[in-house]
């Protein structure tokens, strides 16, 4: 589901929980890799999948506009 972009946040949440559950059964190096994987899953849960995912097509794309010129620096408004 995560690769296909279906219910991305929920799939990433379940994958992150699964990796955290697997932590006690692994060695030290594998634990570090699993913690990194869980962190990546957490980022996907918080940020979402992106503009080209199935979720974005179903629920609408959201665009964040970042203005490089602020009014107090003399830029355009």
C-alpha atoms as a PDB file:
ATOM      1  CA  UNK A   1       0.000   0.000   0.000  1.00  0.00           C
ATOM      2  CA  UNK A   2       2.828   2.389   0.788  1.00  0.00           C
ATOM      3  CA  UNK A   3       4.471   1.997  -2.614  1.00  0.00           C
ATOM      4  CA  UNK A   4       1.165   2.280  -4.469  1.00  0.00           C
ATOM      5  CA  UNK A   5       0.224   5.456  -2.588  1.00  0.00           C
ATOM      6  CA  UNK A   6      -2.995   4.073  -1.113  1.00  0.00           C
ATOM      7  CA  UNK A   7      -3.702   5.257   2.449  1.00  0.00           C
ATOM      8  CA  UNK A   8      -0.062   6.307   2.673  1.00  0.00           C
ATOM      9  CA  UNK A   9      -0.120   7.762   6.155  1.00  0.00           C
ATOM     10  CA  UNK A  10      -1.846   4.728   7.657  1.00  0.00           C
ATOM     11  CA  UNK A  11       0.445   2.301   5.838  1.00  0.00           C
ATOM     12  CA  UNK A  12       3.520   4.202   7.032  1.00  0.00           C
ATOM     13  CA  UNK A  13       2.165   4.235  10.575  1.00  0.00           C
ATOM     14  CA  UNK A  14       1.617   0.463  10.542  1.00  0.00           C
ATOM     15  CA  UNK A  15       5.052  -0.128   9.026  1.00  0.00           C
ATOM     16  CA  UNK A  16       6.681   2.104  11.656  1.00  0.00           C
ATOM     17  CA  UNK A  17       4.916   0.289  14.486  1.00  0.00           C
ATOM     18  CA  UNK A  18       5.960  -3.044  12.995  1.00  0.00           C
ATOM     19  CA  UNK A  19       9.601  -2.013  12.867  1.00  0.00           C
ATOM     20  CA  UNK A  20       9.508  -0.818  16.473  1.00  0.00           C
ATOM     21  CA  UNK A  21       7.961  -4.126  17.555  1.00  0.00           C
ATOM     22  CA  UNK A  22      10.794  -5.999  15.804  1.00  0.00           C
ATOM     23  CA  UNK A  23      13.525  -4.065  17.658  1.00  0.00           C
ATOM     24  CA  UNK A  24      14.054  -6.431  20.623  1.00  0.00           C
ATOM     25  CA  UNK A  25      14.584  -9.455  18.369  1.00  0.00           C
ATOM     26  CA  UNK A  26      17.526  -7.932  16.428  1.00  0.00           C
ATOM     27  CA  UNK A  27      21.185  -7.212  16.939  1.00  0.00           C
ATOM     28  CA  UNK A  28      22.659  -3.759  17.525  1.00  0.00           C
ATOM     29  CA  UNK A  29      23.316  -2.909  13.864  1.00  0.00           C
ATOM     30  CA  UNK A  30      19.880  -4.075  12.802  1.00  0.00           C
ATOM     31  CA  UNK A  31      18.319  -2.056  15.624  1.00  0.00           C
ATOM     32  CA  UNK A  32      19.979   1.108  14.331  1.00  0.00           C
ATOM     33  CA  UNK A  33      18.674   0.400  10.836  1.00  0.00           C
ATOM     34  CA  UNK A  34      15.176  -0.276  12.148  1.00  0.00           C
ATOM     35  CA  UNK A  35      15.183   2.966  14.157  1.00  0.00           C
ATOM     36  CA  UNK A  36      16.143   4.838  10.972  1.00  0.00           C
ATOM     37  CA  UNK A  37      13.368   3.071   9.098  1.00  0.00           C
ATOM     38  CA  UNK A  38      10.859   3.967  11.817  1.00  0.00           C
ATOM     39  CA  UNK A  39      12.023   7.593  11.622  1.00  0.00           C
ATOM     40  CA  UNK A  40      11.415   7.622   7.884  1.00  0.00           C
ATOM     41  CA  UNK A  41       7.972   6.168   8.412  1.00  0.00           C
ATOM     42  CA  UNK A  42       7.282   8.855  10.999  1.00  0.00           C
ATOM     43  CA  UNK A  43       8.269  11.544   8.497  1.00  0.00           C
ATOM     44  CA  UNK A  44       5.889  10.088   5.905  1.00  0.00           C
ATOM     45  CA  UNK A  45       3.100   9.956   8.496  1.00  0.00           C
ATOM     46  CA  UNK A  46       3.612  13.622   9.365  1.00  0.00           C
ATOM     47  CA  UNK A  47       4.280  14.988   5.875  1.00  0.00           C
ATOM     48  CA  UNK A  48       2.185  12.767   3.641  1.00  0.00           C
ATOM     49  CA  UNK A  49       3.074  11.156   0.363  1.00  0.00           C
ATOM     50  CA  UNK A  50       3.338  14.094  -2.005  1.00  0.00           C
ATOM     51  CA  UNK A  51       1.448  15.662  -4.866  1.00  0.00           C
ATOM     52  CA  UNK A  52       1.519  12.619  -7.152  1.00  0.00           C
ATOM     53  CA  UNK A  53       0.126  10.014  -4.775  1.00  0.00           C
ATOM     54  CA  UNK A  54      -3.301   8.410  -4.936  1.00  0.00           C
ATOM     55  CA  UNK A  55      -4.213  10.148  -1.664  1.00  0.00           C
ATOM     56  CA  UNK A  56      -3.439  13.523  -3.222  1.00  0.00           C
ATOM     57  CA  UNK A  57      -5.615  12.735  -6.209  1.00  0.00           C
ATOM     58  CA  UNK A  58      -8.489  11.570  -4.008  1.00  0.00           C
ATOM     59  CA  UNK A  59      -8.412  14.324  -1.392  1.00  0.00           C
ATOM     60  CA  UNK A  60      -6.944  17.177  -3.439  1.00  0.00           C
ATOM     61  CA  UNK A  61      -3.412  18.421  -3.895  1.00  0.00           C
ATOM     62  CA  UNK A  62      -2.136  20.921  -1.378  1.00  0.00           C
ATOM     63  CA  UNK A  63       0.476  23.425  -2.426  1.00  0.00           C
ATOM     64  CA  UNK A  64       2.545  25.473   0.001  1.00  0.00           C
ATOM     65  CA  UNK A  65       3.721  28.771  -1.454  1.00  0.00           C
ATOM     66  CA  UNK A  66       6.973  30.084  -0.007  1.00  0.00           C
ATOM     67  CA  UNK A  67       7.596  33.731  -0.763  1.00  0.00           C
ATOM     68  CA  UNK A  68      11.272  34.596  -1.152  1.00  0.00           C
ATOM     69  CA  UNK A  69      10.750  38.357  -0.859  1.00  0.00           C
ATOM     70  CA  UNK A  70       9.275  39.585   2.405  1.00  0.00           C
ATOM     71  CA  UNK A  71       7.711  43.044   2.718  1.00  0.00           C
ATOM     72  CA  UNK A  72      10.267  44.212   5.301  1.00  0.00           C
ATOM     73  CA  UNK A  73      13.095  43.475   2.846  1.00  0.00           C
ATOM     74  CA  UNK A  74      11.591  45.614   0.131  1.00  0.00           C
ATOM     75  CA  UNK A  75      10.279  42.807  -2.065  1.00  0.00           C
ATOM     76  CA  UNK A  76       6.999  42.461  -3.909  1.00  0.00           C
ATOM     77  CA  UNK A  77       3.826  41.829  -1.978  1.00  0.00           C
END
